Amino acid sequence: MFVHTSIRTSNMDRSIDFYTRLLGLKLVSRREIPQNNAEIAFLRDTQAKGATLELTFYRSQKKFIQADYENRLFDHLAFEVTDMKKTITAMRNENVTITDEPFKLSQTGSTIAFVEDPDGTLIELIERP
């Protein structure tokens, strides 16, 4: 199940203003993710039945070890999974690069992990409680 699209921003307030005021998206939530030294904001198109854009601001632009992530404007795609352990095991069995091992978000109780697709596009896996 496709969950959301995320893009990086250099200024969270400016980006929220642009997407809400000029493009009509609604700010749904905004929070810090201390595990990633990041701030995120979720914006939703109320006419698109849940289509969601995540804006991500990394306080340290070296969030991901791979240097090629440094200058990307597109951050990641996200997919909900029902069993994180099973999914990660299957990915390991297929030699998928796992960039961030699963960890639990204290705010939501969700478990997330990050992997790469064959072209290096970052994919977030989300298991909700």
N, C-alpha and C. Protein backbone atom coordinates (compact mmCIF):
# COMPACT_ATOMS: atom_id res chain seq x y z
N MET A 1 0.85 -1.17 0.00
CA MET A 1 0.00 0.00 0.00
C MET A 1 0.90 1.24 0.00
N PHE A 2 0.70 2.11 -0.96
CA PHE A 2 1.45 3.36 -1.05
C PHE A 2 0.98 4.31 0.03
N VAL A 3 1.94 4.95 0.74
CA VAL A 3 1.59 5.80 1.88
C VAL A 3 1.78 7.29 1.59
N HIS A 4 3.00 7.73 1.26
CA HIS A 4 3.22 9.14 0.99
C HIS A 4 4.50 9.35 0.18
N THR A 5 4.66 10.58 -0.31
CA THR A 5 5.88 11.00 -0.99
C THR A 5 6.55 12.06 -0.13
N SER A 6 7.88 11.99 -0.01
CA SER A 6 8.61 12.95 0.81
C SER A 6 9.65 13.68 -0.03
N ILE A 7 9.75 14.98 0.22
CA ILE A 7 10.80 15.76 -0.41
C ILE A 7 11.53 16.55 0.67
N ARG A 8 12.80 16.80 0.44
CA ARG A 8 13.58 17.60 1.39
C ARG A 8 13.32 19.08 1.18
N THR A 9 13.50 19.82 2.26
CA THR A 9 13.37 21.26 2.21
C THR A 9 14.52 21.90 2.97
N SER A 10 14.90 23.09 2.56
CA SER A 10 15.95 23.82 3.29
C SER A 10 15.36 24.77 4.32
N ASN A 11 14.04 25.00 4.24
CA ASN A 11 13.37 25.91 5.17
C ASN A 11 11.93 25.43 5.35
N MET A 12 11.64 24.82 6.47
CA MET A 12 10.33 24.21 6.69
C MET A 12 9.19 25.23 6.62
N ASP A 13 9.33 26.37 7.30
CA ASP A 13 8.26 27.36 7.31
C ASP A 13 7.93 27.85 5.90
N ARG A 14 8.96 28.14 5.13
CA ARG A 14 8.77 28.63 3.76
C ARG A 14 8.06 27.57 2.90
N SER A 15 8.46 26.31 3.07
CA SER A 15 7.85 25.24 2.27
C SER A 15 6.39 25.00 2.67
N ILE A 16 6.11 25.00 3.97
CA ILE A 16 4.72 24.83 4.41
C ILE A 16 3.86 25.96 3.85
N ASP A 17 4.36 27.18 3.92
CA ASP A 17 3.62 28.32 3.39
C ASP A 17 3.34 28.13 1.90
N PHE A 18 4.33 27.74 1.13
CA PHE A 18 4.18 27.55 -0.30
C PHE A 18 3.11 26.51 -0.62
N TYR A 19 3.22 25.33 -0.01
CA TYR A 19 2.31 24.24 -0.33
C TYR A 19 0.89 24.45 0.20
N THR A 20 0.76 25.14 1.34
CA THR A 20 -0.58 25.37 1.88
C THR A 20 -1.24 26.59 1.23
N ARG A 21 -0.50 27.65 1.16
CA ARG A 21 -1.09 28.89 0.66
C ARG A 21 -1.23 28.90 -0.86
N LEU A 22 -0.21 28.43 -1.56
CA LEU A 22 -0.23 28.53 -3.02
C LEU A 22 -0.81 27.29 -3.71
N LEU A 23 -0.73 26.14 -3.08
CA LEU A 23 -1.21 24.91 -3.73
C LEU A 23 -2.40 24.27 -3.02
N GLY A 24 -2.83 24.86 -1.92
CA GLY A 24 -4.05 24.41 -1.28
C GLY A 24 -3.96 23.15 -0.43
N LEU A 25 -2.75 22.67 -0.13
CA LEU A 25 -2.63 21.52 0.75
C LEU A 25 -2.92 21.94 2.19
N LYS A 26 -3.35 20.99 3.00
CA LYS A 26 -3.65 21.26 4.41
C LYS A 26 -2.56 20.66 5.28
N LEU A 27 -2.02 21.46 6.21
CA LEU A 27 -1.03 20.95 7.16
C LEU A 27 -1.74 20.02 8.13
N VAL A 28 -1.30 18.76 8.16
CA VAL A 28 -1.92 17.75 9.02
C VAL A 28 -1.14 17.60 10.32
N SER A 29 0.20 17.57 10.23
CA SER A 29 1.02 17.46 11.43
C SER A 29 2.43 17.93 11.13
N ARG A 30 3.11 18.31 12.20
CA ARG A 30 4.50 18.76 12.11
C ARG A 30 5.19 18.32 13.39
N ARG A 31 6.34 17.64 13.26
CA ARG A 31 7.00 17.15 14.47
C ARG A 31 8.48 16.89 14.23
N GLU A 32 9.19 16.78 15.34
CA GLU A 32 10.61 16.44 15.33
C GLU A 32 10.76 14.92 15.33
N ILE A 33 11.76 14.43 14.66
CA ILE A 33 12.14 13.01 14.69
C ILE A 33 13.58 12.98 15.21
N PRO A 34 13.76 12.92 16.54
CA PRO A 34 15.11 13.00 17.10
C PRO A 34 16.04 11.89 16.63
N GLN A 35 15.50 10.70 16.34
CA GLN A 35 16.35 9.60 15.89
C GLN A 35 17.07 9.94 14.58
N ASN A 36 16.47 10.79 13.77
CA ASN A 36 17.05 11.17 12.48
C ASN A 36 17.54 12.61 12.45
N ASN A 37 17.49 13.31 13.61
CA ASN A 37 17.87 14.72 13.66
C ASN A 37 17.13 15.51 12.58
N ALA A 38 15.81 15.29 12.53
CA ALA A 38 15.01 15.87 11.47
C ALA A 38 13.71 16.45 12.00
N GLU A 39 13.13 17.30 11.18
CA GLU A 39 11.78 17.80 11.41
C GLU A 39 10.96 17.40 10.19
N ILE A 40 9.73 16.94 10.41
CA ILE A 40 8.88 16.58 9.29
C ILE A 40 7.53 17.27 9.42
N ALA A 41 6.91 17.47 8.28
CA ALA A 41 5.55 18.01 8.23
C ALA A 41 4.78 17.22 7.18
N PHE A 42 3.55 16.86 7.52
CA PHE A 42 2.69 16.15 6.58
C PHE A 42 1.62 17.10 6.09
N LEU A 43 1.47 17.17 4.77
CA LEU A 43 0.46 17.99 4.14
C LEU A 43 -0.41 17.08 3.29
N ARG A 44 -1.71 17.36 3.27
CA ARG A 44 -2.63 16.47 2.57
C ARG A 44 -3.49 17.26 1.60
N ASP A 45 -3.72 16.65 0.47
CA ASP A 45 -4.67 17.17 -0.51
C ASP A 45 -6.03 16.59 -0.14
N THR A 46 -6.91 17.39 0.42
CA THR A 46 -8.19 16.89 0.91
C THR A 46 -9.09 16.41 -0.22
N GLN A 47 -8.84 16.86 -1.43
CA GLN A 47 -9.64 16.42 -2.57
C GLN A 47 -9.14 15.10 -3.15
N ALA A 48 -7.95 14.68 -2.77
CA ALA A 48 -7.34 13.48 -3.38
C ALA A 48 -7.45 12.26 -2.48
N LYS A 49 -8.39 12.25 -1.57
CA LYS A 49 -8.64 11.10 -0.70
C LYS A 49 -7.38 10.58 -0.01
N GLY A 50 -6.66 11.48 0.64
CA GLY A 50 -5.53 11.07 1.46
C GLY A 50 -4.17 11.20 0.83
N ALA A 51 -4.06 11.69 -0.40
CA ALA A 51 -2.74 11.89 -1.01
C ALA A 51 -1.93 12.81 -0.10
N THR A 52 -0.77 12.33 0.33
CA THR A 52 0.01 13.04 1.35
C THR A 52 1.41 13.35 0.87
N LEU A 53 1.86 14.56 1.17
CA LEU A 53 3.22 14.99 0.91
C LEU A 53 3.90 15.19 2.25
N GLU A 54 5.08 14.61 2.42
CA GLU A 54 5.88 14.84 3.62
C GLU A 54 7.03 15.76 3.26
N LEU A 55 7.18 16.83 4.01
CA LEU A 55 8.34 17.70 3.89
C LEU A 55 9.33 17.30 4.97
N THR A 56 10.59 17.18 4.61
CA THR A 56 11.61 16.72 5.55
C THR A 56 12.76 17.72 5.59
N PHE A 57 13.09 18.16 6.80
CA PHE A 57 14.25 19.03 7.00
C PHE A 57 15.22 18.31 7.93
N TYR A 58 16.39 17.95 7.40
CA TYR A 58 17.43 17.31 8.21
C TYR A 58 18.32 18.38 8.81
N ARG A 59 18.45 18.39 10.11
CA ARG A 59 19.30 19.38 10.77
C ARG A 59 20.76 19.19 10.37
N SER A 60 21.13 17.96 10.11
CA SER A 60 22.46 17.65 9.59
C SER A 60 22.26 17.07 8.20
N GLN A 61 22.82 17.68 7.21
CA GLN A 61 22.63 17.20 5.85
C GLN A 61 23.38 15.91 5.56
N LYS A 62 23.98 15.29 6.58
CA LYS A 62 24.64 14.01 6.41
C LYS A 62 23.81 12.89 7.03
N LYS A 63 22.48 13.02 6.93
CA LYS A 63 21.58 12.01 7.51
C LYS A 63 21.92 10.62 7.01
N PHE A 64 22.06 10.49 5.72
CA PHE A 64 22.38 9.20 5.13
C PHE A 64 23.86 9.19 4.79
N ILE A 65 24.50 8.11 5.10
CA ILE A 65 25.95 8.00 4.92
C ILE A 65 26.36 8.20 3.47
N GLN A 66 25.54 7.71 2.53
CA GLN A 66 25.88 7.83 1.12
C GLN A 66 25.91 9.30 0.71
N ALA A 67 27.04 9.74 0.21
CA ALA A 67 27.19 11.15 -0.17
C ALA A 67 26.23 11.56 -1.26
N ASP A 68 25.84 10.64 -2.13
CA ASP A 68 24.97 11.02 -3.24
C ASP A 68 23.58 11.45 -2.77
N TYR A 69 23.21 11.14 -1.54
CA TYR A 69 21.92 11.61 -1.02
C TYR A 69 21.97 13.09 -0.64
N GLU A 70 23.14 13.61 -0.47
CA GLU A 70 23.33 14.97 0.03
C GLU A 70 22.57 16.04 -0.77
N ASN A 71 22.58 15.93 -2.07
CA ASN A 71 22.02 16.99 -2.90
C ASN A 71 20.68 16.65 -3.54
N ARG A 72 20.08 15.54 -3.16
CA ARG A 72 18.81 15.16 -3.77
C ARG A 72 17.66 16.00 -3.22
N LEU A 73 16.76 16.40 -4.11
CA LEU A 73 15.54 17.09 -3.68
C LEU A 73 14.46 16.09 -3.32
N PHE A 74 14.44 14.93 -4.00
CA PHE A 74 13.47 13.88 -3.70
C PHE A 74 14.07 12.99 -2.63
N ASP A 75 13.32 12.75 -1.55
CA ASP A 75 13.87 12.01 -0.42
C ASP A 75 13.51 10.54 -0.44
N HIS A 76 12.23 10.18 -0.36
CA HIS A 76 11.88 8.76 -0.34
C HIS A 76 10.42 8.52 -0.66
N LEU A 77 10.12 7.27 -0.96
CA LEU A 77 8.75 6.79 -1.06
C LEU A 77 8.47 5.98 0.19
N ALA A 78 7.22 5.87 0.59
CA ALA A 78 6.90 5.10 1.79
C ALA A 78 5.80 4.09 1.52
N PHE A 79 5.97 2.93 2.12
CA PHE A 79 5.01 1.84 1.97
C PHE A 79 4.71 1.24 3.33
N GLU A 80 3.44 0.98 3.59
CA GLU A 80 3.04 0.34 4.84
C GLU A 80 3.19 -1.17 4.70
N VAL A 81 3.77 -1.81 5.72
CA VAL A 81 3.92 -3.27 5.74
C VAL A 81 3.22 -3.80 6.99
N THR A 82 2.80 -5.05 6.94
CA THR A 82 2.10 -5.62 8.09
C THR A 82 3.04 -6.33 9.06
N ASP A 83 4.22 -6.71 8.59
CA ASP A 83 5.18 -7.44 9.44
C ASP A 83 6.59 -6.99 9.08
N MET A 84 7.13 -6.05 9.87
CA MET A 84 8.44 -5.47 9.56
C MET A 84 9.53 -6.53 9.55
N LYS A 85 9.55 -7.42 10.55
CA LYS A 85 10.60 -8.43 10.63
C LYS A 85 10.60 -9.32 9.40
N LYS A 86 9.43 -9.76 9.00
CA LYS A 86 9.31 -10.62 7.82
C LYS A 86 9.75 -9.88 6.56
N THR A 87 9.35 -8.63 6.45
CA THR A 87 9.70 -7.83 5.28
C THR A 87 11.20 -7.60 5.19
N ILE A 88 11.83 -7.22 6.31
CA ILE A 88 13.27 -6.99 6.32
C ILE A 88 14.02 -8.28 6.01
N THR A 89 13.57 -9.40 6.57
CA THR A 89 14.21 -10.69 6.28
C THR A 89 14.13 -11.00 4.78
N ALA A 90 12.98 -10.79 4.19
CA ALA A 90 12.81 -11.03 2.75
C ALA A 90 13.73 -10.12 1.94
N MET A 91 13.86 -8.87 2.37
CA MET A 91 14.73 -7.93 1.66
C MET A 91 16.19 -8.35 1.78
N ARG A 92 16.58 -8.76 2.97
CA ARG A 92 17.96 -9.24 3.15
C ARG A 92 18.23 -10.45 2.25
N ASN A 93 17.26 -11.34 2.16
CA ASN A 93 17.42 -12.53 1.33
C ASN A 93 17.59 -12.19 -0.15
N GLU A 94 17.10 -11.02 -0.54
CA GLU A 94 17.23 -10.55 -1.92
C GLU A 94 18.39 -9.56 -2.07
N ASN A 95 19.23 -9.45 -1.05
CA ASN A 95 20.40 -8.54 -1.06
C ASN A 95 20.03 -7.07 -1.26
N VAL A 96 18.87 -6.68 -0.73
CA VAL A 96 18.46 -5.28 -0.77
C VAL A 96 19.29 -4.52 0.26
N THR A 97 19.75 -3.33 -0.10
CA THR A 97 20.50 -2.49 0.83
C THR A 97 19.54 -1.92 1.88
N ILE A 98 19.85 -2.15 3.15
CA ILE A 98 19.06 -1.60 4.26
C ILE A 98 19.86 -0.44 4.82
N THR A 99 19.36 0.77 4.63
CA THR A 99 20.11 1.95 5.06
C THR A 99 19.88 2.31 6.52
N ASP A 100 18.68 2.06 7.04
CA ASP A 100 18.37 2.28 8.45
C ASP A 100 17.61 1.06 8.96
N GLU A 101 18.18 0.39 9.94
CA GLU A 101 17.51 -0.77 10.55
C GLU A 101 16.22 -0.31 11.22
N PRO A 102 15.25 -1.21 11.38
CA PRO A 102 13.97 -0.83 12.00
C PRO A 102 14.15 -0.20 13.38
N PHE A 103 13.39 0.86 13.62
CA PHE A 103 13.35 1.48 14.95
C PHE A 103 11.95 2.02 15.19
N LYS A 104 11.58 2.13 16.45
CA LYS A 104 10.23 2.56 16.84
C LYS A 104 10.20 4.06 17.07
N LEU A 105 9.19 4.72 16.54
CA LEU A 105 8.98 6.14 16.78
C LEU A 105 8.21 6.30 18.08
N SER A 106 8.78 7.05 19.01
CA SER A 106 8.14 7.20 20.32
C SER A 106 6.80 7.93 20.23
N GLN A 107 6.66 8.85 19.28
CA GLN A 107 5.42 9.63 19.19
C GLN A 107 4.24 8.79 18.72
N THR A 108 4.47 7.85 17.81
CA THR A 108 3.36 7.12 17.19
C THR A 108 3.34 5.63 17.52
N GLY A 109 4.47 5.10 17.96
CA GLY A 109 4.56 3.66 18.19
C GLY A 109 4.81 2.86 16.92
N SER A 110 4.87 3.54 15.78
CA SER A 110 5.15 2.86 14.52
C SER A 110 6.61 2.44 14.47
N THR A 111 6.87 1.36 13.76
CA THR A 111 8.23 0.93 13.49
C THR A 111 8.55 1.28 12.05
N ILE A 112 9.72 1.89 11.84
CA ILE A 112 10.11 2.24 10.49
C ILE A 112 11.50 1.73 10.19
N ALA A 113 11.77 1.58 8.91
CA ALA A 113 13.09 1.20 8.41
C ALA A 113 13.23 1.83 7.03
N PHE A 114 14.47 1.93 6.57
CA PHE A 114 14.71 2.46 5.24
C PHE A 114 15.56 1.48 4.44
N VAL A 115 15.17 1.29 3.19
CA VAL A 115 15.90 0.42 2.27
C VAL A 115 16.06 1.18 0.95
N GLU A 116 16.87 0.61 0.05
CA GLU A 116 17.03 1.21 -1.27
C GLU A 116 16.46 0.29 -2.33
N ASP A 117 15.86 0.89 -3.35
CA ASP A 117 15.45 0.08 -4.50
C ASP A 117 16.69 -0.17 -5.36
N PRO A 118 16.58 -0.90 -6.44
CA PRO A 118 17.77 -1.22 -7.24
C PRO A 118 18.52 -0.01 -7.80
N ASP A 119 17.83 1.12 -7.96
CA ASP A 119 18.47 2.33 -8.46
C ASP A 119 18.94 3.26 -7.36
N GLY A 120 18.79 2.85 -6.11
CA GLY A 120 19.22 3.67 -4.99
C GLY A 120 18.17 4.61 -4.45
N THR A 121 16.93 4.56 -4.96
CA THR A 121 15.86 5.38 -4.41
C THR A 121 15.53 4.89 -3.01
N LEU A 122 15.43 5.82 -2.10
CA LEU A 122 15.16 5.47 -0.71
C LEU A 122 13.69 5.12 -0.52
N ILE A 123 13.45 4.00 0.18
CA ILE A 123 12.09 3.53 0.46
C ILE A 123 11.94 3.40 1.97
N GLU A 124 10.91 4.03 2.52
CA GLU A 124 10.59 3.89 3.94
C GLU A 124 9.55 2.79 4.09
N LEU A 125 9.79 1.89 5.02
CA LEU A 125 8.83 0.85 5.36
C LEU A 125 8.22 1.22 6.71
N ILE A 126 6.90 1.14 6.82
CA ILE A 126 6.20 1.55 8.04
C ILE A 126 5.31 0.41 8.52
N GLU A 127 5.51 0.01 9.76
CA GLU A 127 4.59 -0.94 10.40
C GLU A 127 3.90 -0.19 11.53
N ARG A 128 2.61 -0.04 11.42
CA ARG A 128 1.84 0.69 12.43
C ARG A 128 1.45 -0.24 13.56
N PRO A 129 1.31 0.31 14.78
CA PRO A 129 0.95 -0.54 15.93
C PRO A 129 -0.47 -1.11 15.81
